[in-house]
C-alpha atoms as a PDB file:
ATOM      1  CA  MET A   1     -16.934   8.384  14.248  1.00  0.00           C
ATOM      2  CA  GLY A   2     -19.166  11.507  15.604  1.00  0.00           C
ATOM      3  CA  ILE A   3     -20.375  14.809  14.971  1.00  0.00           C
ATOM      4  CA  ASP A   4     -19.347  17.178  17.483  1.00  0.00           C
ATOM      5  CA  LEU A   5     -19.664  21.131  17.857  1.00  0.00           C
ATOM      6  CA  THR A   6     -16.588  21.248  14.792  1.00  0.00           C
ATOM      7  CA  GLY A   7     -18.432  19.285  12.734  1.00  0.00           C
ATOM      8  CA  LEU A   8     -21.661  20.400  13.378  1.00  0.00           C
ATOM      9  CA  ARG A   9     -19.914  23.883  12.393  1.00  0.00           C
ATOM     10  CA  ALA A  10     -18.328  22.255   9.555  1.00  0.00           C
ATOM     11  CA  LEU A  11     -21.994  20.961   8.079  1.00  0.00           C
ATOM     12  CA  SER A  12     -23.267  24.553   8.440  1.00  0.00           C
ATOM     13  CA  PHE A  13     -19.988  25.551   6.857  1.00  0.00           C
ATOM     14  CA  ALA A  14     -20.260  23.556   4.220  1.00  0.00           C
ATOM     15  CA  SER A  15     -24.433  24.475   3.611  1.00  0.00           C
ATOM     16  CA  ARG A  16     -23.920  28.129   3.918  1.00  0.00           C
ATOM     17  CA  ILE A  17     -20.856  28.901   2.274  1.00  0.00           C
ATOM     18  CA  TYR A  18     -20.275  25.984  -0.035  1.00  0.00           C
ATOM     19  CA  LYS A  19     -23.403  25.483  -1.047  1.00  0.00           C
ATOM     20  CA  PHE A  20     -23.776  21.769  -0.395  1.00  0.00           C
ATOM     21  CA  GLU A  21     -26.298  19.698  -2.044  1.00  0.00           C
ATOM     22  CA  PHE A  22     -27.207  17.066   0.776  1.00  0.00           C
ATOM     23  CA  ARG A  23     -30.438  15.568  -1.443  1.00  0.00           C
ATOM     24  CA  ASN A  24     -28.075  12.116  -1.804  1.00  0.00           C
ATOM     25  CA  THR A  25     -25.370  11.732   0.493  1.00  0.00           C
ATOM     26  CA  VAL A  26     -23.155   9.090   1.832  1.00  0.00           C
ATOM     27  CA  THR A  27     -21.183   9.018   4.538  1.00  0.00           C
ATOM     28  CA  LEU A  28     -17.681   7.036   5.453  1.00  0.00           C
ATOM     29  CA  GLY A  29     -19.127   5.365   8.911  1.00  0.00           C
ATOM     30  CA  ARG A  30     -22.518   5.589  10.847  1.00  0.00           C
ATOM     31  CA  HIS A  31     -21.916   8.919  12.450  1.00  0.00           C
ATOM     32  CA  GLU A  32     -23.166   9.658  16.063  1.00  0.00           C
ATOM     33  CA  ILE A  33     -24.314  12.917  17.754  1.00  0.00           C
ATOM     34  CA  HIS A  34     -21.690  14.023  20.005  1.00  0.00           C
ATOM     35  CA  PHE A  35     -22.506  18.101  19.993  1.00  0.00           C
ATOM     36  CA  TRP A  36     -25.255  18.727  23.037  1.00  0.00           C
ATOM     37  CA  LYS A  37     -28.206  21.555  22.987  1.00  0.00           C
ATOM     38  CA  GLN A  38     -26.201  23.974  24.095  1.00  0.00           C
ATOM     39  CA  GLU A  39     -23.562  23.541  21.212  1.00  0.00           C
ATOM     40  CA  TYR A  40     -26.231  23.271  18.697  1.00  0.00           C
ATOM     41  CA  ASP A  41     -27.600  26.754  19.596  1.00  0.00           C
ATOM     42  CA  VAL A  42     -24.434  27.733  18.739  1.00  0.00           C
ATOM     43  CA  VAL A  43     -25.289  27.626  14.904  1.00  0.00           C
ATOM     44  CA  ARG A  44     -29.020  26.732  14.883  1.00  0.00           C
ATOM     45  CA  LYS A  45     -29.669  30.087  13.145  1.00  0.00           C
ATOM     46  CA  ASN A  46     -27.353  29.273  10.161  1.00  0.00           C
ATOM     47  CA  ILE A  47     -28.086  25.654   9.838  1.00  0.00           C
ATOM     48  CA  GLY A  48     -32.359  26.938   9.832  1.00  0.00           C
ATOM     49  CA  ALA A  49     -33.699  24.033  11.857  1.00  0.00           C
ATOM     50  CA  ALA A  50     -35.273  23.988  15.315  1.00  0.00           C
ATOM     51  CA  TYR A  51     -33.134  21.602  17.624  1.00  0.00           C
ATOM     52  CA  ASP A  52     -35.494  18.372  18.868  1.00  0.00           C
ATOM     53  CA  ASP A  53     -34.533  14.773  19.989  1.00  0.00           C
ATOM     54  CA  SER A  54     -34.097  13.632  16.913  1.00  0.00           C
ATOM     55  CA  ILE A  55     -30.529  14.939  17.251  1.00  0.00           C
ATOM     56  CA  ALA A  56     -30.112  14.749  21.037  1.00  0.00           C
ATOM     57  CA  VAL A  57     -26.529  12.915  21.986  1.00  0.00           C
ATOM     58  CA  GLY A  58     -25.750   9.497  20.938  1.00  0.00           C
ATOM     59  CA  ALA A  59     -28.648   9.406  18.457  1.00  0.00           C
ATOM     60  CA  TYR A  60     -27.394   8.618  14.884  1.00  0.00           C
ATOM     61  CA  CYS A  61     -26.834  11.762  11.857  1.00  0.00           C
ATOM     62  CA  GLU A  62     -29.433  10.956   9.658  1.00  0.00           C
ATOM     63  CA  PRO A  63     -32.232  12.959  11.171  1.00  0.00           C
ATOM     64  CA  LEU A  64     -29.526  16.223  11.155  1.00  0.00           C
ATOM     65  CA  LEU A  65     -28.655  15.429   7.374  1.00  0.00           C
ATOM     66  CA  TYR A  66     -32.615  15.942   6.866  1.00  0.00           C
ATOM     67  CA  LYS A  67     -32.473  19.009   8.228  1.00  0.00           C
ATOM     68  CA  LEU A  68     -30.186  19.960   6.074  1.00  0.00           C
ATOM     69  CA  GLY A  69     -31.871  19.018   2.961  1.00  0.00           C
ATOM     70  CA  ALA A  70     -31.550  15.807   2.573  1.00  0.00           C
ATOM     71  CA  ARG A  71     -33.330  13.266   1.335  1.00  0.00           C
ATOM     72  CA  ASN A  72     -31.201   9.912   0.676  1.00  0.00           C
ATOM     73  CA  VAL A  73     -28.660   8.929   3.885  1.00  0.00           C
ATOM     74  CA  THR A  74     -26.544   5.886   2.724  1.00  0.00           C
ATOM     75  CA  SER A  75     -23.845   5.006   5.349  1.00  0.00           C
ATOM     76  CA  ILE A  76     -21.052   2.520   4.510  1.00  0.00           C
ATOM     77  CA  ASP A  77     -19.285   0.637   6.874  1.00  0.00           C
ATOM     78  CA  ALA A  78     -16.874  -2.752   6.864  1.00  0.00           C
ATOM     79  CA  SER A  79     -19.691  -4.023   9.569  1.00  0.00           C
ATOM     80  CA  ALA A  80     -23.113  -4.056  11.074  1.00  0.00           C
ATOM     81  CA  PHE A  81     -21.978  -3.071  14.331  1.00  0.00           C
ATOM     82  CA  GLU A  82     -23.747   0.024  13.957  1.00  0.00           C
ATOM     83  CA  GLY A  83     -26.247  -0.375  11.661  1.00  0.00           C
ATOM     84  CA  ALA A  84     -24.865   1.358   8.624  1.00  0.00           C
ATOM     85  CA  SER A  85     -27.128   0.697   5.355  1.00  0.00           C
ATOM     86  CA  LEU A  86     -24.375  -0.242   3.193  1.00  0.00           C
ATOM     87  CA  ILE A  87     -21.925  -2.974   4.177  1.00  0.00           C
ATOM     88  CA  HIS A  88     -18.789  -2.646   2.407  1.00  0.00           C
ATOM     89  CA  ASP A  89     -14.982  -2.566   3.335  1.00  0.00           C
ATOM     90  CA  PHE A  90     -13.271   0.639   2.190  1.00  0.00           C
ATOM     91  CA  ASN A  91      -9.987  -0.935   1.517  1.00  0.00           C
ATOM     92  CA  ARG A  92     -11.864  -2.614  -1.464  1.00  0.00           C
ATOM     93  CA  PRO A  93     -12.916  -0.617  -4.740  1.00  0.00           C
ATOM     94  CA  ILE A  94     -16.597   0.021  -4.271  1.00  0.00           C
ATOM     95  CA  PRO A  95     -19.416  -1.524  -6.867  1.00  0.00           C
ATOM     96  CA  GLN A  96     -19.567  -0.267 -10.502  1.00  0.00           C
ATOM     97  CA  ASP A  97     -23.532   0.818  -9.563  1.00  0.00           C
ATOM     98  CA  LEU A  98     -22.470   3.608  -6.708  1.00  0.00           C
ATOM     99  CA  HIS A  99     -20.174   5.248  -9.146  1.00  0.00           C
ATOM    100  CA  GLU A 100     -20.911   9.076  -8.949  1.00  0.00           C
ATOM    101  CA  GLN A 101     -24.309   8.108  -7.640  1.00  0.00           C
ATOM    102  CA  PHE A 102     -24.111  11.072  -4.720  1.00  0.00           C
ATOM    103  CA  ASP A 103     -24.243  14.845  -4.099  1.00  0.00           C
ATOM    104  CA  ALA A 104     -21.937  14.920  -1.070  1.00  0.00           C
ATOM    105  CA  PHE A 105     -19.691  12.409   0.831  1.00  0.00           C
ATOM    106  CA  LEU A 106     -18.829  12.926   4.551  1.00  0.00           C
ATOM    107  CA  ASP A 107     -16.428  11.265   7.136  1.00  0.00           C
ATOM    108  CA  PHE A 108     -16.039  12.798  10.660  1.00  0.00           C
ATOM    109  CA  GLY A 109     -13.281  10.182  11.847  1.00  0.00           C
ATOM    110  CA  SER A 110     -13.113   7.399   9.782  1.00  0.00           C
ATOM    111  CA  ILE A 111     -10.383   7.635   7.237  1.00  0.00           C
ATOM    112  CA  GLU A 112      -7.343   7.821   9.596  1.00  0.00           C
ATOM    113  CA  HIS A 113      -8.513   3.898  10.622  1.00  0.00           C
ATOM    114  CA  ILE A 114      -8.557   2.117   6.916  1.00  0.00           C
ATOM    115  CA  PHE A 115      -5.483   0.695   5.561  1.00  0.00           C
ATOM    116  CA  ASP A 116      -5.686   1.310   2.024  1.00  0.00           C
ATOM    117  CA  VAL A 117      -5.511   5.099   1.848  1.00  0.00           C
ATOM    118  CA  ALA A 118      -4.948   5.248  -2.096  1.00  0.00           C
ATOM    119  CA  GLN A 119      -8.422   2.916  -2.473  1.00  0.00           C
ATOM    120  CA  VAL A 120     -10.260   5.179   0.194  1.00  0.00           C
ATOM    121  CA  VAL A 121      -9.573   8.436  -1.426  1.00  0.00           C
ATOM    122  CA  GLY A 122     -10.523   6.455  -5.276  1.00  0.00           C
ATOM    123  CA  ASN A 123     -13.681   5.228  -3.570  1.00  0.00           C
ATOM    124  CA  ILE A 124     -14.650   8.692  -2.571  1.00  0.00           C
ATOM    125  CA  VAL A 125     -13.777   9.945  -5.481  1.00  0.00           C
ATOM    126  CA  ASN A 126     -16.116   7.623  -7.303  1.00  0.00           C
ATOM    127  CA  LEU A 127     -19.092   8.435  -4.679  1.00  0.00           C
ATOM    128  CA  VAL A 128     -19.387  11.548  -5.649  1.00  0.00           C
ATOM    129  CA  LYS A 129     -21.272  12.911  -8.834  1.00  0.00           C
ATOM    130  CA  VAL A 130     -19.691  15.920 -11.014  1.00  0.00           C
ATOM    131  CA  GLY A 131     -20.735  18.861  -9.307  1.00  0.00           C
ATOM    132  CA  GLY A 132     -20.981  17.328  -6.139  1.00  0.00           C
ATOM    133  CA  HIS A 133     -18.971  17.780  -2.491  1.00  0.00           C
ATOM    134  CA  VAL A 134     -16.864  16.385  -0.271  1.00  0.00           C
ATOM    135  CA  LEU A 135     -16.135  17.158   3.277  1.00  0.00           C
ATOM    136  CA  ILE A 136     -13.712  15.329   5.266  1.00  0.00           C
ATOM    137  CA  GLY A 137     -12.769  15.656   9.385  1.00  0.00           C
ATOM    138  CA  THR A 138     -10.012  13.912  10.296  1.00  0.00           C
ATOM    139  CA  ASN A 139      -6.849  14.154  12.356  1.00  0.00           C
ATOM    140  CA  ALA A 140      -3.981  16.492  11.932  1.00  0.00           C
ATOM    141  CA  ASN A 141      -1.603  16.550  15.303  1.00  0.00           C
ATOM    142  CA  GLY A 142      -1.517  15.201  18.583  1.00  0.00           C
ATOM    143  CA  PHE A 143      -3.143  11.782  17.699  1.00  0.00           C
ATOM    144  CA  PRO A 144      -0.278   9.570  17.292  1.00  0.00           C
ATOM    145  CA  SER A 145      -2.197   6.678  18.740  1.00  0.00           C
ATOM    146  CA  HIS A 146      -5.732   7.224  17.897  1.00  0.00           C
ATOM    147  CA  GLY A 147      -5.836   5.876  14.073  1.00  0.00           C
ATOM    148  CA  LEU A 148      -3.344   4.348  11.804  1.00  0.00           C
ATOM    149  CA  TYR A 149      -2.628   7.584  10.264  1.00  0.00           C
ATOM    150  CA  GLN A 150      -2.163  11.331  10.344  1.00  0.00           C
ATOM    151  CA  PHE A 151      -2.597  13.341   7.801  1.00  0.00           C
ATOM    152  CA  SER A 152      -1.408  16.951   6.567  1.00  0.00           C
ATOM    153  CA  PRO A 153      -2.383  19.937   4.305  1.00  0.00           C
ATOM    154  CA  GLU A 154      -0.424  19.090   1.824  1.00  0.00           C
ATOM    155  CA  PHE A 155      -1.868  15.634   1.040  1.00  0.00           C
ATOM    156  CA  PHE A 156      -5.596  16.863   0.937  1.00  0.00           C
ATOM    157  CA  TYR A 157      -4.182  19.807  -1.289  1.00  0.00           C
ATOM    158  CA  SER A 158      -2.595  17.349  -3.890  1.00  0.00           C
ATOM    159  CA  LEU A 159      -5.190  14.960  -4.025  1.00  0.00           C
ATOM    160  CA  PHE A 160      -8.523  16.926  -4.513  1.00  0.00           C
ATOM    161  CA  SER A 161      -6.808  19.171  -7.165  1.00  0.00           C
ATOM    162  CA  LYS A 162      -7.937  20.357 -10.504  1.00  0.00           C
ATOM    163  CA  ARG A 163      -5.539  17.462 -11.768  1.00  0.00           C
ATOM    164  CA  ASN A 164      -8.139  15.081 -10.549  1.00  0.00           C
ATOM    165  CA  GLY A 165     -10.977  16.858 -11.263  1.00  0.00           C
ATOM    166  CA  PHE A 166     -11.390  18.712  -8.365  1.00  0.00           C
ATOM    167  CA  GLU A 167     -11.716  22.503  -7.349  1.00  0.00           C
ATOM    168  CA  ASP A 168     -12.757  25.123  -4.520  1.00  0.00           C
ATOM    169  CA  THR A 169     -10.235  22.627  -1.575  1.00  0.00           C
ATOM    170  CA  SER A 170      -9.665  24.285   1.061  1.00  0.00           C
ATOM    171  CA  VAL A 171      -8.345  22.612   4.294  1.00  0.00           C
ATOM    172  CA  PHE A 172      -8.415  24.317   7.709  1.00  0.00           C
ATOM    173  CA  LEU A 173      -6.957  23.413  10.800  1.00  0.00           C
ATOM    174  CA  VAL A 174      -8.729  23.460  14.379  1.00  0.00           C
ATOM    175  CA  ASN A 175      -7.009  23.753  17.326  1.00  0.00           C
ATOM    176  CA  LEU A 176      -8.569  21.713  20.036  1.00  0.00           C
ATOM    177  CA  ALA A 177      -8.064  23.834  23.137  1.00  0.00           C
ATOM    178  CA  ARG A 178      -8.987  26.618  20.903  1.00  0.00           C
ATOM    179  CA  PRO A 179     -11.946  25.528  18.348  1.00  0.00           C
ATOM    180  CA  LYS A 180     -13.411  28.782  17.903  1.00  0.00           C
ATOM    181  CA  MET A 181     -11.420  30.243  15.018  1.00  0.00           C
ATOM    182  CA  TRP A 182     -10.206  28.158  12.267  1.00  0.00           C
ATOM    183  CA  SER A 183      -7.201  28.435  10.717  1.00  0.00           C
ATOM    184  CA  LEU A 184      -7.338  28.243   6.893  1.00  0.00           C
ATOM    185  CA  ILE A 185      -4.196  26.930   5.576  1.00  0.00           C
ATOM    186  CA  ARG A 186      -2.533  28.187   1.987  1.00  0.00           C
ATOM    187  CA  ARG A 187      -1.467  25.885  -0.904  1.00  0.00           C
ATOM    188  CA  PRO A 188       2.081  24.886  -0.069  1.00  0.00           C
ATOM    189  CA  VAL A 189       2.319  25.169  -4.458  1.00  0.00           C
ATOM    190  CA  ASP A 190       1.018  28.652  -3.930  1.00  0.00           C
ATOM    191  CA  LEU A 191       4.287  29.011  -1.142  1.00  0.00           C
ATOM    192  CA  LYS A 192       6.902  27.862  -2.726  1.00  0.00           C
ATOM    193  CA  ARG A 193       7.136  25.862   0.488  1.00  0.00           C
ATOM    194  CA  ARG A 194       5.839  23.639   3.195  1.00  0.00           C
ATOM    195  CA  ASN A 195       3.548  24.298   5.493  1.00  0.00           C
ATOM    196  CA  GLU A 196       5.115  25.141   8.960  1.00  0.00           C
ATOM    197  CA  ILE A 197       2.558  23.865  11.316  1.00  0.00           C
ATOM    198  CA  PRO A 198       2.976  23.874  15.450  1.00  0.00           C
ATOM    199  CA  PHE A 199       3.595  20.042  16.269  1.00  0.00           C
ATOM    200  CA  GLU A 200       2.645  19.886  20.248  1.00  0.00           C
ATOM    201  CA  ASP A 201      -0.749  20.889  19.822  1.00  0.00           C
ATOM    202  CA  GLN A 202      -3.869  18.959  19.005  1.00  0.00           C
ATOM    203  CA  MET A 203      -5.633  19.674  15.656  1.00  0.00           C
ATOM    204  CA  MET A 204      -8.587  18.501  13.714  1.00  0.00           C
ATOM    205  CA  MET A 205      -8.338  19.159   9.590  1.00  0.00           C
ATOM    206  CA  LEU A 206     -11.327  19.396   8.053  1.00  0.00           C
ATOM    207  CA  ILE A 207     -12.031  19.492   3.973  1.00  0.00           C
ATOM    208  CA  PHE A 208     -13.810  20.738   1.739  1.00  0.00           C
ATOM    209  CA  SER A 209     -13.955  20.569  -2.051  1.00  0.00           C
ATOM    210  CA  ARG A 210     -16.385  20.309  -4.962  1.00  0.00           C
ATOM    211  CA  LYS A 211     -15.446  17.862  -8.194  1.00  0.00           C
ATOM    212  CA  ALA A 212     -16.097  19.501 -11.097  1.00  0.00           C
ATOM    213  CA  GLY A 213     -15.265  16.387 -13.509  1.00  0.00           C
ATOM    214  CA  SER A 214     -14.178  13.171 -13.659  1.00  0.00           C
ATOM    215  CA  GLY A 215     -10.810  12.656 -14.216  1.00  0.00           C
ATOM    216  CA  GLY A 216      -8.654   9.404 -15.459  1.00  0.00           C
ATOM    217  CA  PRO A 217      -6.708   7.577 -12.794  1.00  0.00           C
ATOM    218  CA  LEU A 218      -5.765   9.603  -9.131  1.00  0.00           C
ATOM    219  CA  THR A 219      -2.148  11.480  -9.273  1.00  0.00           C
ATOM    220  CA  VAL A 220      -1.129  12.446  -5.975  1.00  0.00           C
ATOM    221  CA  ILE A 221       2.553  13.623  -6.191  1.00  0.00           C
ATOM    222  CA  GLN A 222       3.913  16.139  -3.097  1.00  0.00           C
ATOM    223  CA  SER A 223       3.944  19.733  -4.809  1.00  0.00           C
ATOM    224  CA  ASP A 224       7.166  20.633  -3.358  1.00  0.00           C
ATOM    225  CA  TYR A 225       8.892  17.868  -5.355  1.00  0.00           C
ATOM    226  CA  ASP A 226       7.108  18.004  -8.064  1.00  0.00           C
ATOM    227  CA  ASP A 227       7.988  22.049  -8.670  1.00  0.00           C
ATOM    228  CA  THR A 228      11.862  20.531  -8.278  1.00  0.00           C
ATOM    229  CA  TRP A 229      11.517  17.414 -10.634  1.00  0.00           C
ATOM    230  CA  ALA A 230      10.214  20.378 -13.111  1.00  0.00           C
ATOM    231  CA  ARG A 231      12.894  22.754 -12.550  1.00  0.00           C
ATOM    232  CA  PHE A 232      15.640  19.670 -12.748  1.00  0.00           C
ATOM    233  CA  GLU A 233      14.346  18.591 -16.237  1.00  0.00           C
ATOM    234  CA  THR A 234      14.406  22.146 -17.339  1.00  0.00           C
ATOM    235  CA  GLY A 235      17.928  22.866 -16.149  1.00  0.00           C
ATOM    236  CA  ASN A 236      17.137  25.370 -13.150  1.00  0.00           C
ATOM    237  CA  TRP A 237      18.171  22.823 -10.559  1.00  0.00           C
ATOM    238  CA  SER A 238      20.330  23.654  -7.605  1.00  0.00           C
ATOM    239  CA  SER A 239      21.655  21.085  -5.347  1.00  0.00           C
ATOM    240  CA  TRP A 240      21.708  22.161  -1.233  1.00  0.00           C
ATOM    241  CA  ASN A 241      24.922  23.851  -0.410  1.00  0.00           C
ATOM    242  CA  ARG A 242      26.935  22.624   3.059  1.00  0.00           C
ATOM    243  CA  ASP A 243      28.472  26.097   2.730  1.00  0.00           C
ATOM    244  CA  ASN A 244      24.801  27.823   3.114  1.00  0.00           C
ATOM    245  CA  ILE A 245      25.041  25.864   6.776  1.00  0.00           C
ATOM    246  CA  SER A 246      24.614  29.193   9.635  1.00  0.00           C
ATOM    247  CA  LYS A 247      27.392  30.016  11.652  1.00  0.00           C
ATOM    248  CA  TRP A 248      25.998  29.374  15.260  1.00  0.00           C
ATOM    249  CA  LYS A 249      24.956  26.022  13.967  1.00  0.00           C
ATOM    250  CA  LYS A 250      28.983  24.846  13.321  1.00  0.00           C
ATOM    251  CA  MET A 251      29.536  26.437  16.254  1.00  0.00           C
ATOM    252  CA  LEU A 252      27.464  25.235  18.751  1.00  0.00           C
ATOM    253  CA  HIS A 253      27.981  21.973  17.422  1.00  0.00           C
ATOM    254  CA  GLY A 254      31.678  22.210  17.774  1.00  0.00           C
ATOM    255  CA  VAL A 255      31.278  23.244  21.660  1.00  0.00           C
ATOM    256  CA  VAL A 256      27.425  21.474  23.063  1.00  0.00           C
ATOM    257  CA  ASN A 257      26.908  17.813  23.846  1.00  0.00           C
ATOM    258  CA  PRO A 258      24.373  16.199  20.825  1.00  0.00           C
ATOM    259  CA  TYR A 259      21.739  15.743  22.761  1.00  0.00           C
ATOM    260  CA  ALA A 260      21.953  19.503  24.134  1.00  0.00           C
ATOM    261  CA  TYR A 261      22.339  20.728  20.670  1.00  0.00           C
ATOM    262  CA  ARG A 262      19.135  18.652  19.499  1.00  0.00           C
ATOM    263  CA  SER A 263      17.372  19.533  22.595  1.00  0.00           C
ATOM    264  CA  ILE A 264      18.118  23.725  21.925  1.00  0.00           C
ATOM    265  CA  GLY A 265      17.565  23.397  18.411  1.00  0.00           C
ATOM    266  CA  TYR A 266      13.857  22.077  18.976  1.00  0.00           C
ATOM    267  CA  SER A 267      13.569  24.793  21.029  1.00  0.00           C
ATOM    268  CA  PHE A 268      14.529  27.142  18.319  1.00  0.00           C
ATOM    269  CA  LEU A 269      12.440  25.083  15.837  1.00  0.00           C
ATOM    270  CA  SER A 270       9.332  24.965  17.448  1.00  0.00           C
ATOM    271  CA  SER A 271       9.275  29.189  18.079  1.00  0.00           C
ATOM    272  CA  ARG A 272       9.960  29.441  14.226  1.00  0.00           C
ATOM    273  CA  VAL A 273       7.181  26.979  13.078  1.00  0.00           C
ATOM    274  CA  ARG A 274       4.482  28.671  15.058  1.00  0.00           C
ATOM    275  CA  ARG A 275       5.894  32.175  14.243  1.00  0.00           C
ATOM    276  CA  LYS A 276       5.763  31.092  10.944  1.00  0.00           C
ATOM    277  CA  TYR A 277       2.235  29.165  11.067  1.00  0.00           C
ATOM    278  CA  ARG A 278       0.952  32.656  12.447  1.00  0.00           C
ATOM    279  CA  ASP A 279       1.937  34.393   9.171  1.00  0.00           C
ATOM    280  CA  ASP A 280       1.050  32.068   6.769  1.00  0.00           C
ATOM    281  CA  ARG A 281      -2.489  30.712   8.077  1.00  0.00           C
ATOM    282  CA  ILE A 282      -5.593  32.759   7.510  1.00  0.00           C
ATOM    283  CA  LEU A 283      -7.906  32.957  10.521  1.00  0.00           C
ATOM    284  CA  ILE A 284     -11.600  32.756  10.065  1.00  0.00           C
ATOM    285  CA  ASN A 285     -14.799  32.529  12.351  1.00  0.00           C
ATOM    286  CA  PRO A 286     -16.548  29.790  10.509  1.00  0.00           C
ATOM    287  CA  ASP A 287     -19.558  30.912  11.687  1.00  0.00           C
ATOM    288  CA  THR A 288     -19.952  35.112  10.917  1.00  0.00           C
ATOM    289  CA  ILE A 289     -18.105  34.904   7.752  1.00  0.00           C
ATOM    290  CA  ASP A 290     -19.451  35.127   4.278  1.00  0.00           C
ATOM    291  CA  ALA A 291     -19.806  33.383   0.944  1.00  0.00           C
ATOM    292  CA  GLU A 292     -18.239  36.389  -0.970  1.00  0.00           C
ATOM    293  CA  ALA A 293     -15.464  37.086   1.243  1.00  0.00           C
ATOM    294  CA  PHE A 294     -14.339  33.379   1.221  1.00  0.00           C
ATOM    295  CA  GLY A 295     -14.351  32.950  -1.856  1.00  0.00           C
ATOM    296  CA  GLY A 296     -11.931  35.570  -2.834  1.00  0.00           C
ATOM    297  CA  MET A 297     -10.036  34.109  -0.074  1.00  0.00           C
ATOM    298  CA  ILE A 298      -9.599  30.446  -1.698  1.00  0.00           C
ATOM    299  CA  SER A 299      -9.083  32.252  -5.399  1.00  0.00           C
ATOM    300  CA  ASN A 300      -6.609  34.457  -4.306  1.00  0.00           C
ATOM    301  CA  GLN A 301      -4.033  32.111  -2.012  1.00  0.00           C
ATOM    302  CA  ALA A 302      -1.491  33.060  -4.263  1.00  0.00           C
ATOM    303  CA  VAL A 303      -1.193  36.254  -3.727  1.00  0.00           C
ATOM    304  CA  ALA A 304      -0.498  37.471  -0.477  1.00  0.00           C
ATOM    305  CA  GLY A 305      -2.386  40.784  -0.318  1.00  0.00           C
ATOM    306  CA  SER A 306      -4.805  41.665   2.358  1.00  0.00           C
ATOM    307  CA  ALA A 307      -4.202  38.261   4.001  1.00  0.00           C
ATOM    308  CA  GLN A 308      -0.738  38.514   4.886  1.00  0.00           C
ATOM    309  CA  LYS A 309       0.710  38.545   8.440  1.00  0.00           C
ATOM    310  CA  GLY A 310      -2.243  35.428   9.041  1.00  0.00           C
ATOM    311  CA  THR A 311      -5.347  38.195   8.803  1.00  0.00           C
ATOM    312  CA  TRP A 312      -8.408  39.184   6.015  1.00  0.00           C
ATOM    313  CA  SER A 313      -9.763  41.812   5.086  1.00  0.00           C
ATOM    314  CA  GLY A 314     -13.201  40.111   4.368  1.00  0.00           C
ATOM    315  CA  SER A 315     -16.244  39.830   7.105  1.00  0.00           C
ATOM    316  CA  VAL A 316     -14.007  37.707   9.388  1.00  0.00           C
ATOM    317  CA  GLU A 317     -12.712  38.029  12.813  1.00  0.00           C
ATOM    318  CA  PRO A 318      -9.199  39.687  12.540  1.00  0.00           C
ATOM    319  CA  ALA A 319      -6.049  37.672  14.282  1.00  0.00           C
ATOM    320  CA  PRO A 320      -5.369  38.369  17.606  1.00  0.00           C
ATOM    321  CA  PRO A 321      -2.064  40.586  18.282  1.00  0.00           C
ATOM    322  CA  ARG A 322       1.019  38.582  18.666  1.00  0.00           C
ATOM    323  CA  HIS A 323       2.755  38.823  21.985  1.00  0.00           C
ATOM    324  CA  SER A 324       6.403  38.497  22.042  1.00  0.00           C
END
């Protein structure tokens, strides 16, 4: 658990764009500082505080959060080995007296290590007061042996939804080989299909959301199933038609052995997924984008408009050209 350069930029983005109030902050685990002074200098202007030894590599994150305006920082962990201020297993419900006590919930690498995910997200929702914010950094692709889970953007869009009392949710993927630019992932419910995300790259996921109200029990349904069931109930459902299988697939199955077919199919799939991903995502530089431009993004994800082909007309660096 720790805050590296991407986590530091996420905190800056949370403060500058999402207007996080850090006064009473709770962290899942006690996070160490994993960024260097030279990396802090990249975002120092946006954070508005000078670097000092209190946030040196290996220190814990409380001094950093104080620089962002925190007055009280509570860290929750199942063990006392890192000096957390509250020892509690997140596989169990949090005590009632902690409900809606915090302005901000932060996690930089704990959620994927805890078995009972439903209880974990229920605790997160209960900890944050109405008007408070959530910031989670976790693994997406390329970490099969790191924790118990790797998550999808769909999971967090379905969780931090209006149905569950949340608004202004955004999910970013950060390619760890090229971390400067972030890819804003459009909501599957707006795309009317599942996201297409490259599966060969190591990616980190960042989730930002605001709690707008207190709802009842959490309801998390994958959006395409939600849509399919609704269409089925209204009589607008059409089942899969095997006649729609492309001719080239039928031909290859007839002349190529099954393993070669799978290898060829994988190459085609990888190319198609990367192309679709570049078309769907919206690239931003979190250090330079302004709040007005970003507000337009998340309120208009359902409209292709100027966000088509992976670019945005606001104060954002444009997507690099694709090369064939």
